[in-house]
Amino acid sequence: IGSLISVFFKDKIHNAMRRMKGDGSSIIGIIIASILG
């Protein structure tokens, strides 16, 4: 499962983090960032 996520979903997870905007809600951003982590 780790390899499947790394090969097929890793970029999607990291791109979701990159799309987080600096002017968004800080608290919501913290929660989303922890989920993505």
PDB file of all heavy atoms in Angstrom:
ATOM      1  N   ILE A   1       0.835  -1.204   0.000  1.00  0.00           N
ATOM      2  CA  ILE A   1       0.000   0.000   0.000  1.00  0.00           C
ATOM      3  C   ILE A   1       0.870   1.255   0.000  1.00  0.00           C
ATOM      4  O   ILE A   1       0.589   2.231  -0.704  1.00  0.00           O
ATOM      5  CB  ILE A   1      -0.959  -0.009   1.197  1.00  0.00           C
ATOM      6  CG1 ILE A   1      -2.019  -1.101   0.991  1.00  0.00           C
ATOM      7  CG2 ILE A   1      -1.624   1.352   1.375  1.00  0.00           C
ATOM      8  CD1 ILE A   1      -2.995  -1.240   2.130  1.00  0.00           C
ATOM      9  N   GLY A   2       1.954   1.231   0.792  1.00  0.00           N
ATOM     10  CA  GLY A   2       2.867   2.371   0.814  1.00  0.00           C
ATOM     11  C   GLY A   2       3.447   2.656  -0.558  1.00  0.00           C
ATOM     12  O   GLY A   2       3.547   3.813  -0.985  1.00  0.00           O
ATOM     13  N   SER A   3       3.826   1.606  -1.279  1.00  0.00           N
ATOM     14  CA  SER A   3       4.382   1.781  -2.624  1.00  0.00           C
ATOM     15  C   SER A   3       3.319   2.275  -3.595  1.00  0.00           C
ATOM     16  O   SER A   3       3.595   3.127  -4.452  1.00  0.00           O
ATOM     17  CB  SER A   3       4.977   0.462  -3.115  1.00  0.00           C
ATOM     18  OG  SER A   3       6.134   0.114  -2.373  1.00  0.00           O
ATOM     19  N   LEU A   4       2.104   1.755  -3.498  1.00  0.00           N
ATOM     20  CA  LEU A   4       1.021   2.204  -4.377  1.00  0.00           C
ATOM     21  C   LEU A   4       0.736   3.697  -4.187  1.00  0.00           C
ATOM     22  O   LEU A   4       0.571   4.442  -5.164  1.00  0.00           O
ATOM     23  CB  LEU A   4      -0.249   1.390  -4.099  1.00  0.00           C
ATOM     24  CG  LEU A   4      -0.259  -0.060  -4.599  1.00  0.00           C
ATOM     25  CD1 LEU A   4      -1.459  -0.809  -4.038  1.00  0.00           C
ATOM     26  CD2 LEU A   4      -0.282  -0.100  -6.138  1.00  0.00           C
ATOM     27  N   ILE A   5       0.697   4.135  -2.922  1.00  0.00           N
ATOM     28  CA  ILE A   5       0.448   5.555  -2.647  1.00  0.00           C
ATOM     29  C   ILE A   5       1.607   6.397  -3.148  1.00  0.00           C
ATOM     30  O   ILE A   5       1.417   7.469  -3.743  1.00  0.00           O
ATOM     31  CB  ILE A   5       0.215   5.766  -1.143  1.00  0.00           C
ATOM     32  CG1 ILE A   5      -1.116   5.133  -0.722  1.00  0.00           C
ATOM     33  CG2 ILE A   5       0.214   7.255  -0.795  1.00  0.00           C
ATOM     34  CD1 ILE A   5      -1.373   5.161   0.760  1.00  0.00           C
ATOM     35  N   SER A   6       2.826   5.915  -2.926  1.00  0.00           N
ATOM     36  CA  SER A   6       4.003   6.665  -3.359  1.00  0.00           C
ATOM     37  C   SER A   6       4.044   6.831  -4.872  1.00  0.00           C
ATOM     38  O   SER A   6       4.360   7.912  -5.383  1.00  0.00           O
ATOM     39  CB  SER A   6       5.275   5.955  -2.873  1.00  0.00           C
ATOM     40  OG  SER A   6       6.427   6.685  -3.223  1.00  0.00           O
ATOM     41  N   VAL A   7       3.711   5.786  -5.594  1.00  0.00           N
ATOM     42  CA  VAL A   7       3.801   5.821  -7.055  1.00  0.00           C
ATOM     43  C   VAL A   7       2.629   6.576  -7.680  1.00  0.00           C
ATOM     44  O   VAL A   7       2.815   7.371  -8.616  1.00  0.00           O
ATOM     45  CB  VAL A   7       3.876   4.386  -7.620  1.00  0.00           C
ATOM     46  CG1 VAL A   7       3.725   4.385  -9.139  1.00  0.00           C
ATOM     47  CG2 VAL A   7       5.200   3.737  -7.225  1.00  0.00           C
ATOM     48  N   PHE A   8       1.420   6.379  -7.182  1.00  0.00           N
ATOM     49  CA  PHE A   8       0.235   6.894  -7.863  1.00  0.00           C
ATOM     50  C   PHE A   8      -0.400   8.127  -7.215  1.00  0.00           C
ATOM     51  O   PHE A   8      -1.144   8.850  -7.884  1.00  0.00           O
ATOM     52  CB  PHE A   8      -0.818   5.789  -7.974  1.00  0.00           C
ATOM     53  CG  PHE A   8      -0.374   4.615  -8.792  1.00  0.00           C
ATOM     54  CD1 PHE A   8      -0.087   3.403  -8.203  1.00  0.00           C
ATOM     55  CD2 PHE A   8      -0.224   4.731 -10.167  1.00  0.00           C
ATOM     56  CE1 PHE A   8       0.336   2.310  -8.951  1.00  0.00           C
ATOM     57  CE2 PHE A   8       0.190   3.655 -10.935  1.00  0.00           C
ATOM     58  CZ  PHE A   8       0.473   2.441 -10.326  1.00  0.00           C
ATOM     59  N   PHE A   9      -0.149   8.370  -5.916  1.00  0.00           N
ATOM     60  CA  PHE A   9      -0.864   9.452  -5.235  1.00  0.00           C
ATOM     61  C   PHE A   9       0.044  10.486  -4.573  1.00  0.00           C
ATOM     62  O   PHE A   9      -0.447  11.512  -4.109  1.00  0.00           O
ATOM     63  CB  PHE A   9      -1.810   8.868  -4.170  1.00  0.00           C
ATOM     64  CG  PHE A   9      -2.860   7.948  -4.736  1.00  0.00           C
ATOM     65  CD1 PHE A   9      -2.715   6.582  -4.635  1.00  0.00           C
ATOM     66  CD2 PHE A   9      -3.973   8.456  -5.378  1.00  0.00           C
ATOM     67  CE1 PHE A   9      -3.681   5.720  -5.160  1.00  0.00           C
ATOM     68  CE2 PHE A   9      -4.931   7.621  -5.907  1.00  0.00           C
ATOM     69  CZ  PHE A   9      -4.790   6.245  -5.804  1.00  0.00           C
ATOM     70  N   LYS A  10       1.336  10.230  -4.490  1.00  0.00           N
ATOM     71  CA  LYS A  10       2.245  11.140  -3.784  1.00  0.00           C
ATOM     72  C   LYS A  10       2.185  12.549  -4.357  1.00  0.00           C
ATOM     73  O   LYS A  10       2.048  13.528  -3.611  1.00  0.00           O
ATOM     74  CB  LYS A  10       3.674  10.601  -3.862  1.00  0.00           C
ATOM     75  CG  LYS A  10       4.729  11.481  -3.212  1.00  0.00           C
ATOM     76  CD  LYS A  10       6.093  10.823  -3.285  1.00  0.00           C
ATOM     77  CE  LYS A  10       6.531  10.614  -4.728  1.00  0.00           C
ATOM     78  NZ  LYS A  10       7.839   9.935  -4.811  1.00  0.00           N
ATOM     79  N   ASP A  11       2.264  12.670  -5.678  1.00  0.00           N
ATOM     80  CA  ASP A  11       2.250  13.994  -6.302  1.00  0.00           C
ATOM     81  C   ASP A  11       0.922  14.706  -6.059  1.00  0.00           C
ATOM     82  O   ASP A  11       0.893  15.930  -5.864  1.00  0.00           O
ATOM     83  CB  ASP A  11       2.517  13.870  -7.808  1.00  0.00           C
ATOM     84  CG  ASP A  11       3.950  13.470  -8.108  1.00  0.00           C
ATOM     85  OD1 ASP A  11       4.813  13.630  -7.209  1.00  0.00           O
ATOM     86  OD2 ASP A  11       4.212  12.987  -9.224  1.00  0.00           O
ATOM     87  N   LYS A  12      -0.168  13.969  -6.063  1.00  0.00           N
ATOM     88  CA  LYS A  12      -1.483  14.578  -5.825  1.00  0.00           C
ATOM     89  C   LYS A  12      -1.560  15.145  -4.406  1.00  0.00           C
ATOM     90  O   LYS A  12      -2.102  16.229  -4.179  1.00  0.00           O
ATOM     91  CB  LYS A  12      -2.590  13.547  -6.047  1.00  0.00           C
ATOM     92  CG  LYS A  12      -2.775  13.116  -7.503  1.00  0.00           C
ATOM     93  CD  LYS A  12      -3.907  12.120  -7.636  1.00  0.00           C
ATOM     94  CE  LYS A  12      -4.199  11.787  -9.103  1.00  0.00           C
ATOM     95  NZ  LYS A  12      -3.056  11.123  -9.760  1.00  0.00           N
ATOM     96  N   ILE A  13      -1.024  14.394  -3.443  1.00  0.00           N
ATOM     97  CA  ILE A  13      -1.029  14.844  -2.045  1.00  0.00           C
ATOM     98  C   ILE A  13      -0.202  16.113  -1.900  1.00  0.00           C
ATOM     99  O   ILE A  13      -0.630  17.095  -1.273  1.00  0.00           O
ATOM    100  CB  ILE A  13      -0.486  13.734  -1.129  1.00  0.00           C
ATOM    101  CG1 ILE A  13      -1.454  12.542  -1.115  1.00  0.00           C
ATOM    102  CG2 ILE A  13      -0.270  14.257   0.289  1.00  0.00           C
ATOM    103  CD1 ILE A  13      -0.887  11.298  -0.463  1.00  0.00           C
ATOM    104  N   HIS A  14       0.987  16.124  -2.495  1.00  0.00           N
ATOM    105  CA  HIS A  14       1.876  17.277  -2.352  1.00  0.00           C
ATOM    106  C   HIS A  14       1.354  18.482  -3.146  1.00  0.00           C
ATOM    107  O   HIS A  14       1.508  19.629  -2.705  1.00  0.00           O
ATOM    108  CB  HIS A  14       3.286  16.899  -2.802  1.00  0.00           C
ATOM    109  CG  HIS A  14       3.900  15.856  -1.927  1.00  0.00           C
ATOM    110  ND1 HIS A  14       4.943  15.058  -2.314  1.00  0.00           N
ATOM    111  CD2 HIS A  14       3.594  15.459  -0.657  1.00  0.00           C
ATOM    112  CE1 HIS A  14       5.265  14.223  -1.343  1.00  0.00           C
ATOM    113  NE2 HIS A  14       4.449  14.448  -0.327  1.00  0.00           N
ATOM    114  N   ASN A  15       0.723  18.243  -4.279  1.00  0.00           N
ATOM    115  CA  ASN A  15       0.141  19.351  -5.039  1.00  0.00           C
ATOM    116  C   ASN A  15      -1.033  19.982  -4.293  1.00  0.00           C
ATOM    117  O   ASN A  15      -1.273  21.194  -4.406  1.00  0.00           O
ATOM    118  CB  ASN A  15      -0.304  18.874  -6.420  1.00  0.00           C
ATOM    119  CG  ASN A  15       0.875  18.599  -7.346  1.00  0.00           C
ATOM    120  OD1 ASN A  15       1.963  19.145  -7.159  1.00  0.00           O
ATOM    121  ND2 ASN A  15       0.671  17.740  -8.331  1.00  0.00           N
ATOM    122  N   ALA A  16      -1.763  19.161  -3.531  1.00  0.00           N
ATOM    123  CA  ALA A  16      -2.852  19.706  -2.708  1.00  0.00           C
ATOM    124  C   ALA A  16      -2.289  20.657  -1.661  1.00  0.00           C
ATOM    125  O   ALA A  16      -2.887  21.693  -1.358  1.00  0.00           O
ATOM    126  CB  ALA A  16      -3.621  18.565  -2.035  1.00  0.00           C
ATOM    127  N   MET A  17      -1.122  20.326  -1.116  1.00  0.00           N
ATOM    128  CA  MET A  17      -0.466  21.207  -0.152  1.00  0.00           C
ATOM    129  C   MET A  17      -0.012  22.499  -0.831  1.00  0.00           C
ATOM    130  O   MET A  17      -0.177  23.594  -0.285  1.00  0.00           O
ATOM    131  CB  MET A  17       0.730  20.473   0.458  1.00  0.00           C
ATOM    132  CG  MET A  17       1.425  21.214   1.582  1.00  0.00           C
ATOM    133  SD  MET A  17       0.478  21.192   3.112  1.00  0.00           S
ATOM    134  CE  MET A  17       1.562  22.204   4.154  1.00  0.00           C
ATOM    135  N   ARG A  18       0.523  22.390  -2.042  1.00  0.00           N
ATOM    136  CA  ARG A  18       1.006  23.577  -2.763  1.00  0.00           C
ATOM    137  C   ARG A  18      -0.134  24.531  -3.114  1.00  0.00           C
ATOM    138  O   ARG A  18       0.075  25.738  -3.253  1.00  0.00           O
ATOM    139  CB  ARG A  18       1.732  23.155  -4.036  1.00  0.00           C
ATOM    140  CG  ARG A  18       3.089  22.499  -3.804  1.00  0.00           C
ATOM    141  CD  ARG A  18       3.858  22.334  -5.110  1.00  0.00           C
ATOM    142  NE  ARG A  18       5.165  21.771  -4.871  1.00  0.00           N
ATOM    143  CZ  ARG A  18       5.474  20.472  -4.936  1.00  0.00           C
ATOM    144  NH1 ARG A  18       4.503  19.600  -5.241  1.00  0.00           N
ATOM    145  NH2 ARG A  18       6.684  20.044  -4.697  1.00  0.00           N
ATOM    146  N   ARG A  19      -1.333  23.989  -3.292  1.00  0.00           N
ATOM    147  CA  ARG A  19      -2.467  24.836  -3.681  1.00  0.00           C
ATOM    148  C   ARG A  19      -3.041  25.641  -2.519  1.00  0.00           C
ATOM    149  O   ARG A  19      -3.897  26.509  -2.721  1.00  0.00           O
ATOM    150  CB  ARG A  19      -3.575  23.978  -4.299  1.00  0.00           C
ATOM    151  CG  ARG A  19      -3.255  23.490  -5.721  1.00  0.00           C
ATOM    152  CD  ARG A  19      -4.501  22.948  -6.409  1.00  0.00           C
ATOM    153  NE  ARG A  19      -5.009  21.760  -5.745  1.00  0.00           N
ATOM    154  CZ  ARG A  19      -4.643  20.516  -6.059  1.00  0.00           C
ATOM    155  NH1 ARG A  19      -3.752  20.306  -7.025  1.00  0.00           N
ATOM    156  NH2 ARG A  19      -5.151  19.481  -5.426  1.00  0.00           N
ATOM    157  N   MET A  20      -2.584  25.362  -1.307  1.00  0.00           N
ATOM    158  CA  MET A  20      -3.073  26.119  -0.149  1.00  0.00           C
ATOM    159  C   MET A  20      -2.578  27.559  -0.247  1.00  0.00           C
ATOM    160  O   MET A  20      -1.390  27.815  -0.412  1.00  0.00           O
ATOM    161  CB  MET A  20      -2.604  25.457   1.142  1.00  0.00           C
ATOM    162  CG  MET A  20      -3.212  24.083   1.368  1.00  0.00           C
ATOM    163  SD  MET A  20      -2.499  23.201   2.778  1.00  0.00           S
ATOM    164  CE  MET A  20      -3.013  24.260   4.135  1.00  0.00           C
ATOM    165  N   LYS A  21      -3.481  28.515  -0.143  1.00  0.00           N
ATOM    166  CA  LYS A  21      -3.147  29.920  -0.339  1.00  0.00           C
ATOM    167  C   LYS A  21      -2.781  30.578   0.992  1.00  0.00           C
ATOM    168  O   LYS A  21      -3.345  30.269   2.041  1.00  0.00           O
ATOM    169  CB  LYS A  21      -4.328  30.675  -0.966  1.00  0.00           C
ATOM    170  CG  LYS A  21      -4.766  30.094  -2.313  1.00  0.00           C
ATOM    171  CD  LYS A  21      -3.629  30.155  -3.338  1.00  0.00           C
ATOM    172  CE  LYS A  21      -4.094  29.617  -4.675  1.00  0.00           C
ATOM    173  NZ  LYS A  21      -3.007  29.627  -5.680  1.00  0.00           N
ATOM    174  N   GLY A  22      -1.855  31.515   0.915  1.00  0.00           N
ATOM    175  CA  GLY A  22      -1.366  32.178   2.126  1.00  0.00           C
ATOM    176  C   GLY A  22      -2.402  33.056   2.805  1.00  0.00           C
ATOM    177  O   GLY A  22      -2.241  33.420   3.961  1.00  0.00           O
ATOM    178  N   ASP A  23      -3.464  33.445   2.101  1.00  0.00           N
ATOM    179  CA  ASP A  23      -4.473  34.313   2.708  1.00  0.00           C
ATOM    180  C   ASP A  23      -5.677  33.535   3.227  1.00  0.00           C
ATOM    181  O   ASP A  23      -6.689  34.114   3.604  1.00  0.00           O
ATOM    182  CB  ASP A  23      -4.932  35.367   1.701  1.00  0.00           C
ATOM    183  CG  ASP A  23      -5.479  34.732   0.411  1.00  0.00           C
ATOM    184  OD1 ASP A  23      -5.358  33.510   0.273  1.00  0.00           O
ATOM    185  OD2 ASP A  23      -6.017  35.488  -0.430  1.00  0.00           O
ATOM    186  N   GLY A  24      -5.586  32.211   3.246  1.00  0.00           N
ATOM    187  CA  GLY A  24      -6.688  31.395   3.750  1.00  0.00           C
ATOM    188  C   GLY A  24      -6.713  31.348   5.261  1.00  0.00           C
ATOM    189  O   GLY A  24      -5.852  31.903   5.950  1.00  0.00           O
ATOM    190  N   SER A  25      -7.692  30.657   5.807  1.00  0.00           N
ATOM    191  CA  SER A  25      -7.799  30.506   7.258  1.00  0.00           C
ATOM    192  C   SER A  25      -6.627  29.700   7.796  1.00  0.00           C
ATOM    193  O   SER A  25      -6.367  28.582   7.341  1.00  0.00           O
ATOM    194  CB  SER A  25      -9.108  29.792   7.609  1.00  0.00           C
ATOM    195  OG  SER A  25      -9.114  29.408   8.969  1.00  0.00           O
ATOM    196  N   SER A  26      -5.920  30.267   8.772  1.00  0.00           N
ATOM    197  CA  SER A  26      -4.740  29.606   9.303  1.00  0.00           C
ATOM    198  C   SER A  26      -5.096  28.311  10.016  1.00  0.00           C
ATOM    199  O   SER A  26      -4.409  27.300   9.864  1.00  0.00           O
ATOM    200  CB  SER A  26      -4.005  30.541  10.271  1.00  0.00           C
ATOM    201  OG  SER A  26      -2.860  29.914  10.798  1.00  0.00           O
ATOM    202  N   ILE A  27      -6.168  28.320  10.812  1.00  0.00           N
ATOM    203  CA  ILE A  27      -6.547  27.147  11.596  1.00  0.00           C
ATOM    204  C   ILE A  27      -6.985  26.008  10.676  1.00  0.00           C
ATOM    205  O   ILE A  27      -6.560  24.860  10.839  1.00  0.00           O
ATOM    206  CB  ILE A  27      -7.675  27.480  12.591  1.00  0.00           C
ATOM    207  CG1 ILE A  27      -7.281  28.661  13.473  1.00  0.00           C
ATOM    208  CG2 ILE A  27      -7.999  26.251  13.432  1.00  0.00           C
ATOM    209  CD1 ILE A  27      -6.024  28.431  14.291  1.00  0.00           C
ATOM    210  N   ILE A  28      -7.819  26.319   9.700  1.00  0.00           N
ATOM    211  CA  ILE A  28      -8.252  25.295   8.747  1.00  0.00           C
ATOM    212  C   ILE A  28      -7.052  24.765   7.972  1.00  0.00           C
ATOM    213  O   ILE A  28      -6.927  23.555   7.725  1.00  0.00           O
ATOM    214  CB  ILE A  28      -9.318  25.860   7.784  1.00  0.00           C
ATOM    215  CG1 ILE A  28     -10.593  26.194   8.556  1.00  0.00           C
ATOM    216  CG2 ILE A  28      -9.616  24.873   6.660  1.00  0.00           C
ATOM    217  CD1 ILE A  28     -11.666  26.848   7.721  1.00  0.00           C
ATOM    218  N   GLY A  29      -6.148  25.659   7.607  1.00  0.00           N
ATOM    219  CA  GLY A  29      -4.941  25.243   6.905  1.00  0.00           C
ATOM    220  C   GLY A  29      -4.095  24.288   7.731  1.00  0.00           C
ATOM    221  O   GLY A  29      -3.524  23.325   7.201  1.00  0.00           O
ATOM    222  N   ILE A  30      -4.010  24.534   9.027  1.00  0.00           N
ATOM    223  CA  ILE A  30      -3.253  23.653   9.927  1.00  0.00           C
ATOM    224  C   ILE A  30      -3.870  22.257   9.940  1.00  0.00           C
ATOM    225  O   ILE A  30      -3.155  21.248   9.873  1.00  0.00           O
ATOM    226  CB  ILE A  30      -3.216  24.254  11.345  1.00  0.00           C
ATOM    227  CG1 ILE A  30      -2.258  25.457  11.379  1.00  0.00           C
ATOM    228  CG2 ILE A  30      -2.802  23.207  12.381  1.00  0.00           C
ATOM    229  CD1 ILE A  30      -2.299  26.242  12.680  1.00  0.00           C
ATOM    230  N   ILE A  31      -5.183  22.189  10.023  1.00  0.00           N
ATOM    231  CA  ILE A  31      -5.870  20.888  10.049  1.00  0.00           C
ATOM    232  C   ILE A  31      -5.652  20.142   8.729  1.00  0.00           C
ATOM    233  O   ILE A  31      -5.328  18.950   8.724  1.00  0.00           O
ATOM    234  CB  ILE A  31      -7.375  21.084  10.316  1.00  0.00           C
ATOM    235  CG1 ILE A  31      -7.588  21.684  11.710  1.00  0.00           C
ATOM    236  CG2 ILE A  31      -8.127  19.764  10.171  1.00  0.00           C
ATOM    237  CD1 ILE A  31      -9.019  22.110  11.988  1.00  0.00           C
ATOM    238  N   ILE A  32      -5.819  20.847   7.612  1.00  0.00           N
ATOM    239  CA  ILE A  32      -5.625  20.215   6.304  1.00  0.00           C
ATOM    240  C   ILE A  32      -4.186  19.743   6.142  1.00  0.00           C
ATOM    241  O   ILE A  32      -3.926  18.640   5.643  1.00  0.00           O
ATOM    242  CB  ILE A  32      -6.002  21.193   5.172  1.00  0.00           C
ATOM    243  CG1 ILE A  32      -7.502  21.496   5.212  1.00  0.00           C
ATOM    244  CG2 ILE A  32      -5.609  20.625   3.811  1.00  0.00           C
ATOM    245  CD1 ILE A  32      -7.934  22.569   4.242  1.00  0.00           C
ATOM    246  N   ALA A  33      -3.239  20.576   6.573  1.00  0.00           N
ATOM    247  CA  ALA A  33      -1.821  20.220   6.455  1.00  0.00           C
ATOM    248  C   ALA A  33      -1.501  18.974   7.264  1.00  0.00           C
ATOM    249  O   ALA A  33      -0.713  18.120   6.832  1.00  0.00           O
ATOM    250  CB  ALA A  33      -0.949  21.385   6.904  1.00  0.00           C
ATOM    251  N   SER A  34      -2.104  18.835   8.438  1.00  0.00           N
ATOM    252  CA  SER A  34      -1.865  17.649   9.261  1.00  0.00           C
ATOM    253  C   SER A  34      -2.433  16.402   8.591  1.00  0.00           C
ATOM    254  O   SER A  34      -1.808  15.334   8.622  1.00  0.00           O
ATOM    255  CB  SER A  34      -2.481  17.830  10.651  1.00  0.00           C
ATOM    256  OG  SER A  34      -2.106  16.780  11.513  1.00  0.00           O
ATOM    257  N   ILE A  35      -3.593  16.531   7.979  1.00  0.00           N
ATOM    258  CA  ILE A  35      -4.188  15.402   7.244  1.00  0.00           C
ATOM    259  C   ILE A  35      -3.281  14.993   6.088  1.00  0.00           C
ATOM    260  O   ILE A  35      -2.997  13.805   5.882  1.00  0.00           O
ATOM    261  CB  ILE A  35      -5.590  15.773   6.714  1.00  0.00           C
ATOM    262  CG1 ILE A  35      -6.566  15.981   7.880  1.00  0.00           C
ATOM    263  CG2 ILE A  35      -6.117  14.692   5.770  1.00  0.00           C
ATOM    264  CD1 ILE A  35      -7.921  16.528   7.458  1.00  0.00           C
ATOM    265  N   LEU A  36      -2.806  15.973   5.330  1.00  0.00           N
ATOM    266  CA  LEU A  36      -1.933  15.682   4.190  1.00  0.00           C
ATOM    267  C   LEU A  36      -0.608  15.088   4.651  1.00  0.00           C
ATOM    268  O   LEU A  36      -0.017  14.252   3.965  1.00  0.00           O
ATOM    269  CB  LEU A  36      -1.684  16.960   3.379  1.00  0.00           C
ATOM    270  CG  LEU A  36      -2.912  17.534   2.659  1.00  0.00           C
ATOM    271  CD1 LEU A  36      -2.581  18.867   2.008  1.00  0.00           C
ATOM    272  CD2 LEU A  36      -3.434  16.548   1.619  1.00  0.00           C
ATOM    273  N   GLY A  37      -0.127  15.509   5.815  1.00  0.00           N
ATOM    274  CA  GLY A  37       1.108  14.949   6.354  1.00  0.00           C
ATOM    275  C   GLY A  37       0.968  13.474   6.681  1.00  0.00           C
ATOM    276  O   GLY A  37       1.872  12.672   6.396  1.00  0.00           O
TER     277      GLY A  37
END
